[in-house]
Amino acid sequence: MVILLTTLNPLLIEGPMDQLTRHAYIDIGNGVSTRIVDLYIIAPDEGNIKTKYDIPDDVAGRGYVVMIEPASGGKDMLKISGDRMEIRMSLSGIGATLGVGGSTSSSGLNEIRYDSAGFP
């Protein structure tokens, strides 16, 4: 009985929760990346754009952080990380051509800003 109880938690609860979290992080990363690409497509030669978007407040009851970080070869990567897991993915093909940076948490509304003059 003791052996059964110690193996049930990882098999029946933690394993499926990790798989759900991984898929949710990938979906969130794809959504954020798509929003950035959409903004890049309509970006003016001169001027700025600011837009707000919402992502899920938590995944499986836990918060997470979304970061854009430079990677080798000049291709920016999107990193979604929480307590138990971290996912890295390409920034939908624009990471190599456009300087993108920033981070956000999962709570509240998030903002993407574009300024043709750049940011300090």
N, C-alpha and C. Protein backbone atom coordinates (compact mmCIF):
# COMPACT_ATOMS: atom_id res chain seq x y z
N MET A 1 0.82 -1.19 0.00
CA MET A 1 0.00 0.00 0.00
C MET A 1 0.88 1.27 0.00
N VAL A 2 1.95 1.26 0.77
CA VAL A 2 2.83 2.43 0.85
C VAL A 2 3.49 2.68 -0.51
N ILE A 3 3.96 1.63 -1.16
CA ILE A 3 4.59 1.77 -2.48
C ILE A 3 3.57 2.28 -3.49
N LEU A 4 2.37 1.79 -3.42
CA LEU A 4 1.32 2.22 -4.33
C LEU A 4 1.01 3.71 -4.15
N LEU A 5 0.92 4.16 -2.92
CA LEU A 5 0.62 5.57 -2.66
C LEU A 5 1.74 6.50 -3.12
N THR A 6 2.99 6.08 -3.00
CA THR A 6 4.10 6.94 -3.42
C THR A 6 4.25 6.99 -4.94
N THR A 7 3.76 6.00 -5.65
CA THR A 7 3.86 6.02 -7.11
C THR A 7 2.63 6.62 -7.78
N LEU A 8 1.52 6.69 -7.10
CA LEU A 8 0.30 7.23 -7.70
C LEU A 8 0.40 8.73 -7.98
N ASN A 9 0.97 9.49 -7.06
CA ASN A 9 1.05 10.94 -7.26
C ASN A 9 1.83 11.30 -8.53
N PRO A 10 3.06 10.79 -8.72
CA PRO A 10 3.76 11.14 -9.96
C PRO A 10 3.07 10.63 -11.23
N LEU A 11 2.47 9.46 -11.16
CA LEU A 11 1.86 8.87 -12.35
C LEU A 11 0.52 9.50 -12.70
N LEU A 12 -0.32 9.74 -11.73
CA LEU A 12 -1.68 10.17 -12.01
C LEU A 12 -1.90 11.68 -11.88
N ILE A 13 -1.02 12.38 -11.17
CA ILE A 13 -1.25 13.81 -10.98
C ILE A 13 -0.14 14.64 -11.61
N GLU A 14 1.10 14.42 -11.22
CA GLU A 14 2.20 15.26 -11.69
C GLU A 14 2.48 15.09 -13.19
N GLY A 15 2.46 13.87 -13.68
CA GLY A 15 2.72 13.62 -15.10
C GLY A 15 1.72 14.32 -16.01
N PRO A 16 0.42 14.11 -15.83
CA PRO A 16 -0.57 14.81 -16.66
C PRO A 16 -0.54 16.33 -16.47
N MET A 17 -0.26 16.79 -15.24
CA MET A 17 -0.20 18.23 -15.01
C MET A 17 1.01 18.85 -15.74
N ASP A 18 2.14 18.15 -15.76
CA ASP A 18 3.30 18.63 -16.51
C ASP A 18 3.01 18.67 -18.01
N GLN A 19 2.33 17.67 -18.52
CA GLN A 19 1.99 17.64 -19.94
C GLN A 19 1.01 18.76 -20.28
N LEU A 20 0.03 19.01 -19.44
CA LEU A 20 -0.91 20.11 -19.64
C LEU A 20 -0.16 21.44 -19.62
N THR A 21 0.74 21.61 -18.68
CA THR A 21 1.51 22.85 -18.56
C THR A 21 2.37 23.07 -19.79
N ARG A 22 3.03 22.04 -20.27
CA ARG A 22 3.88 22.16 -21.46
C ARG A 22 3.06 22.62 -22.67
N HIS A 23 1.92 22.00 -22.90
CA HIS A 23 1.07 22.38 -24.04
C HIS A 23 0.50 23.78 -23.87
N ALA A 24 0.14 24.14 -22.66
CA ALA A 24 -0.39 25.49 -22.41
C ALA A 24 0.70 26.54 -22.64
N TYR A 25 1.93 26.29 -22.21
CA TYR A 25 3.03 27.22 -22.44
C TYR A 25 3.30 27.39 -23.94
N ILE A 26 3.24 26.30 -24.68
CA ILE A 26 3.44 26.39 -26.13
C ILE A 26 2.34 27.22 -26.77
N ASP A 27 1.10 27.00 -26.36
CA ASP A 27 -0.03 27.79 -26.89
C ASP A 27 0.12 29.26 -26.54
N ILE A 28 0.51 29.56 -25.32
CA ILE A 28 0.70 30.95 -24.90
C ILE A 28 1.84 31.58 -25.69
N GLY A 29 2.94 30.86 -25.86
CA GLY A 29 4.06 31.37 -26.64
C GLY A 29 3.68 31.66 -28.08
N ASN A 30 2.92 30.76 -28.68
CA ASN A 30 2.45 30.98 -30.05
C ASN A 30 1.54 32.20 -30.13
N GLY A 31 0.67 32.39 -29.13
CA GLY A 31 -0.21 33.55 -29.12
C GLY A 31 0.54 34.86 -28.98
N VAL A 32 1.51 34.91 -28.08
CA VAL A 32 2.30 36.13 -27.89
C VAL A 32 3.11 36.41 -29.15
N SER A 33 3.72 35.39 -29.70
CA SER A 33 4.53 35.55 -30.91
C SER A 33 3.67 36.06 -32.07
N THR A 34 2.48 35.54 -32.21
CA THR A 34 1.57 35.98 -33.27
C THR A 34 1.18 37.44 -33.09
N ARG A 35 0.94 37.85 -31.87
CA ARG A 35 0.59 39.26 -31.62
C ARG A 35 1.75 40.19 -31.98
N ILE A 36 2.96 39.77 -31.67
CA ILE A 36 4.14 40.58 -32.00
C ILE A 36 4.30 40.68 -33.52
N VAL A 37 4.13 39.57 -34.22
CA VAL A 37 4.24 39.57 -35.67
C VAL A 37 3.14 40.43 -36.29
N ASP A 38 1.92 40.33 -35.78
CA ASP A 38 0.82 41.16 -36.30
C ASP A 38 1.13 42.64 -36.14
N LEU A 39 1.68 43.02 -35.02
CA LEU A 39 2.04 44.42 -34.80
C LEU A 39 3.17 44.83 -35.74
N TYR A 40 4.13 43.96 -35.96
CA TYR A 40 5.25 44.24 -36.85
C TYR A 40 4.77 44.46 -38.29
N ILE A 41 3.77 43.72 -38.71
CA ILE A 41 3.25 43.83 -40.07
C ILE A 41 2.61 45.19 -40.33
N ILE A 42 1.90 45.74 -39.35
CA ILE A 42 1.23 47.02 -39.55
C ILE A 42 2.04 48.21 -39.05
N ALA A 43 3.25 47.96 -38.59
CA ALA A 43 4.09 49.03 -38.02
C ALA A 43 4.41 50.09 -39.06
N PRO A 44 4.23 51.36 -38.72
CA PRO A 44 4.54 52.44 -39.67
C PRO A 44 6.04 52.72 -39.74
N ASP A 45 6.46 53.37 -40.83
CA ASP A 45 7.87 53.76 -40.96
C ASP A 45 8.25 54.79 -39.91
N GLU A 46 7.32 55.67 -39.60
CA GLU A 46 7.52 56.68 -38.55
C GLU A 46 6.30 56.70 -37.65
N GLY A 47 6.53 56.66 -36.37
CA GLY A 47 5.44 56.69 -35.41
C GLY A 47 5.55 55.57 -34.41
N ASN A 48 4.46 55.37 -33.67
CA ASN A 48 4.46 54.31 -32.68
C ASN A 48 3.07 53.69 -32.56
N ILE A 49 3.04 52.50 -32.04
CA ILE A 49 1.80 51.75 -31.80
C ILE A 49 1.91 51.13 -30.42
N LYS A 50 0.79 51.15 -29.71
CA LYS A 50 0.72 50.49 -28.41
C LYS A 50 -0.56 49.67 -28.38
N THR A 51 -0.46 48.42 -28.01
CA THR A 51 -1.64 47.56 -27.94
C THR A 51 -1.59 46.72 -26.67
N LYS A 52 -2.75 46.40 -26.16
CA LYS A 52 -2.84 45.55 -24.96
C LYS A 52 -3.45 44.21 -25.34
N TYR A 53 -3.02 43.18 -24.65
CA TYR A 53 -3.55 41.84 -24.88
C TYR A 53 -3.60 41.10 -23.56
N ASP A 54 -4.35 40.03 -23.54
CA ASP A 54 -4.52 39.25 -22.32
C ASP A 54 -4.06 37.82 -22.57
N ILE A 55 -3.39 37.26 -21.59
CA ILE A 55 -3.00 35.85 -21.61
C ILE A 55 -3.55 35.23 -20.33
N PRO A 56 -3.67 33.92 -20.28
CA PRO A 56 -4.22 33.29 -19.07
C PRO A 56 -3.44 33.69 -17.81
N ASP A 57 -4.17 33.93 -16.72
CA ASP A 57 -3.54 34.33 -15.46
C ASP A 57 -2.71 33.23 -14.83
N ASP A 58 -3.10 32.00 -15.06
CA ASP A 58 -2.32 30.88 -14.52
C ASP A 58 -2.50 29.65 -15.39
N VAL A 59 -1.60 28.71 -15.21
CA VAL A 59 -1.68 27.42 -15.87
C VAL A 59 -1.60 26.37 -14.78
N ALA A 60 -2.63 25.55 -14.69
CA ALA A 60 -2.70 24.51 -13.66
C ALA A 60 -2.53 25.11 -12.27
N GLY A 61 -3.10 26.30 -12.05
CA GLY A 61 -3.05 26.93 -10.74
C GLY A 61 -1.75 27.62 -10.40
N ARG A 62 -0.85 27.75 -11.36
CA ARG A 62 0.46 28.37 -11.09
C ARG A 62 0.71 29.51 -12.07
N GLY A 63 1.38 30.55 -11.61
CA GLY A 63 1.74 31.67 -12.46
C GLY A 63 2.96 31.34 -13.31
N TYR A 64 3.25 32.21 -14.25
CA TYR A 64 4.39 32.01 -15.13
C TYR A 64 4.88 33.37 -15.63
N VAL A 65 6.02 33.38 -16.30
CA VAL A 65 6.62 34.60 -16.82
C VAL A 65 6.94 34.37 -18.30
N VAL A 66 6.68 35.38 -19.13
CA VAL A 66 7.02 35.33 -20.55
C VAL A 66 8.14 36.34 -20.79
N MET A 67 9.25 35.88 -21.37
CA MET A 67 10.40 36.76 -21.63
C MET A 67 10.86 36.58 -23.07
N ILE A 68 11.35 37.66 -23.65
CA ILE A 68 12.01 37.59 -24.94
C ILE A 68 13.49 37.79 -24.67
N GLU A 69 14.29 36.85 -25.11
CA GLU A 69 15.72 36.93 -24.83
C GLU A 69 16.52 36.68 -26.09
N PRO A 70 17.65 37.36 -26.22
CA PRO A 70 18.49 37.14 -27.40
C PRO A 70 19.12 35.75 -27.35
N ALA A 71 19.22 35.16 -28.52
CA ALA A 71 19.84 33.84 -28.62
C ALA A 71 21.01 33.93 -29.58
N SER A 72 21.78 32.88 -29.65
CA SER A 72 22.93 32.87 -30.55
C SER A 72 22.47 33.00 -31.99
N GLY A 73 23.27 33.68 -32.80
CA GLY A 73 22.92 33.86 -34.20
C GLY A 73 21.98 35.03 -34.43
N GLY A 74 21.72 35.83 -33.40
CA GLY A 74 20.87 37.00 -33.56
C GLY A 74 19.39 36.70 -33.65
N LYS A 75 18.97 35.49 -33.36
CA LYS A 75 17.57 35.12 -33.45
C LYS A 75 16.97 35.14 -32.05
N ASP A 76 16.06 36.08 -31.81
CA ASP A 76 15.45 36.19 -30.49
C ASP A 76 14.55 34.99 -30.21
N MET A 77 14.52 34.61 -28.94
CA MET A 77 13.71 33.47 -28.51
C MET A 77 12.68 33.93 -27.49
N LEU A 78 11.57 33.25 -27.45
CA LEU A 78 10.53 33.48 -26.48
C LEU A 78 10.65 32.41 -25.42
N LYS A 79 10.72 32.81 -24.14
CA LYS A 79 10.86 31.86 -23.05
C LYS A 79 9.67 32.00 -22.11
N ILE A 80 8.97 30.91 -21.87
CA ILE A 80 7.86 30.88 -20.92
C ILE A 80 8.29 29.96 -19.80
N SER A 81 8.32 30.49 -18.57
CA SER A 81 8.80 29.67 -17.46
C SER A 81 7.90 29.83 -16.24
N GLY A 82 7.80 28.74 -15.53
CA GLY A 82 7.02 28.71 -14.30
C GLY A 82 7.82 28.01 -13.22
N ASP A 83 7.13 27.52 -12.21
CA ASP A 83 7.79 26.85 -11.09
C ASP A 83 8.52 25.59 -11.50
N ARG A 84 7.90 24.78 -12.34
CA ARG A 84 8.43 23.45 -12.63
C ARG A 84 8.93 23.27 -14.05
N MET A 85 8.68 24.23 -14.93
CA MET A 85 8.97 23.99 -16.34
C MET A 85 9.37 25.27 -17.05
N GLU A 86 10.11 25.10 -18.14
CA GLU A 86 10.52 26.22 -18.98
C GLU A 86 10.48 25.78 -20.43
N ILE A 87 9.86 26.61 -21.27
CA ILE A 87 9.75 26.33 -22.70
C ILE A 87 10.43 27.46 -23.46
N ARG A 88 11.25 27.14 -24.45
CA ARG A 88 11.87 28.14 -25.33
C ARG A 88 11.41 27.86 -26.74
N MET A 89 11.05 28.94 -27.45
CA MET A 89 10.60 28.80 -28.82
C MET A 89 11.01 30.00 -29.65
N SER A 90 11.07 29.81 -30.95
CA SER A 90 11.45 30.88 -31.87
C SER A 90 10.37 31.95 -31.89
N LEU A 91 10.77 33.15 -32.15
CA LEU A 91 9.83 34.28 -32.18
C LEU A 91 9.27 34.44 -33.59
N SER A 92 8.65 33.44 -34.12
CA SER A 92 7.93 33.44 -35.40
C SER A 92 8.68 34.06 -36.56
N GLY A 93 9.96 33.87 -36.63
CA GLY A 93 10.71 34.31 -37.79
C GLY A 93 11.12 35.76 -37.81
N ILE A 94 10.62 36.60 -36.89
CA ILE A 94 11.02 38.01 -36.92
C ILE A 94 12.16 38.28 -35.96
N GLY A 95 12.48 37.32 -35.12
CA GLY A 95 13.54 37.53 -34.14
C GLY A 95 14.88 37.85 -34.75
N ALA A 96 15.13 37.40 -35.98
CA ALA A 96 16.42 37.65 -36.62
C ALA A 96 16.45 39.00 -37.34
N THR A 97 15.29 39.56 -37.68
CA THR A 97 15.26 40.80 -38.45
C THR A 97 14.89 42.03 -37.65
N LEU A 98 14.25 41.86 -36.53
CA LEU A 98 13.75 42.98 -35.75
C LEU A 98 14.22 42.83 -34.31
N GLY A 99 14.76 43.88 -33.74
CA GLY A 99 15.17 43.83 -32.34
C GLY A 99 13.96 43.84 -31.43
N VAL A 100 13.70 42.76 -30.77
CA VAL A 100 12.54 42.62 -29.90
C VAL A 100 13.04 42.30 -28.51
N GLY A 101 12.42 42.85 -27.50
CA GLY A 101 12.83 42.55 -26.14
C GLY A 101 11.72 42.84 -25.16
N GLY A 102 11.85 42.30 -23.97
CA GLY A 102 10.89 42.58 -22.92
C GLY A 102 10.46 41.34 -22.18
N SER A 103 9.61 41.55 -21.19
CA SER A 103 9.07 40.44 -20.41
C SER A 103 7.75 40.88 -19.80
N THR A 104 6.98 39.91 -19.36
CA THR A 104 5.70 40.19 -18.70
C THR A 104 5.35 39.02 -17.81
N SER A 105 4.49 39.28 -16.84
CA SER A 105 3.99 38.20 -16.00
C SER A 105 2.63 37.78 -16.53
N SER A 106 2.08 36.75 -15.95
CA SER A 106 0.82 36.22 -16.44
C SER A 106 -0.40 36.99 -15.94
N SER A 107 -0.24 37.85 -14.97
CA SER A 107 -1.41 38.50 -14.38
C SER A 107 -1.71 39.84 -15.05
N GLY A 108 -2.98 40.14 -15.19
CA GLY A 108 -3.40 41.42 -15.74
C GLY A 108 -3.24 41.53 -17.24
N LEU A 109 -3.52 42.73 -17.75
CA LEU A 109 -3.34 43.00 -19.18
C LEU A 109 -1.87 43.26 -19.47
N ASN A 110 -1.44 42.82 -20.62
CA ASN A 110 -0.06 43.00 -21.05
C ASN A 110 -0.03 43.97 -22.21
N GLU A 111 1.14 44.52 -22.50
CA GLU A 111 1.24 45.55 -23.51
C GLU A 111 2.41 45.28 -24.44
N ILE A 112 2.18 45.51 -25.73
CA ILE A 112 3.24 45.46 -26.73
C ILE A 112 3.34 46.87 -27.30
N ARG A 113 4.56 47.39 -27.36
CA ARG A 113 4.77 48.74 -27.90
C ARG A 113 5.76 48.68 -29.05
N TYR A 114 5.46 49.50 -30.06
CA TYR A 114 6.37 49.66 -31.19
C TYR A 114 6.65 51.14 -31.34
N ASP A 115 7.92 51.48 -31.52
CA ASP A 115 8.31 52.87 -31.78
C ASP A 115 9.36 52.83 -32.88
N SER A 116 9.11 53.55 -33.97
CA SER A 116 10.05 53.52 -35.09
C SER A 116 11.41 54.10 -34.71
N ALA A 117 11.46 54.95 -33.70
CA ALA A 117 12.74 55.53 -33.25
C ALA A 117 13.50 54.56 -32.36
N GLY A 118 12.90 53.49 -31.91
CA GLY A 118 13.55 52.53 -31.03
C GLY A 118 13.33 52.89 -29.57
N PHE A 119 13.85 52.06 -28.70
CA PHE A 119 13.72 52.26 -27.26
C PHE A 119 15.12 52.35 -26.67
N PRO A 120 15.27 53.17 -25.62
CA PRO A 120 16.60 53.28 -24.99
C PRO A 120 17.02 51.99 -24.30
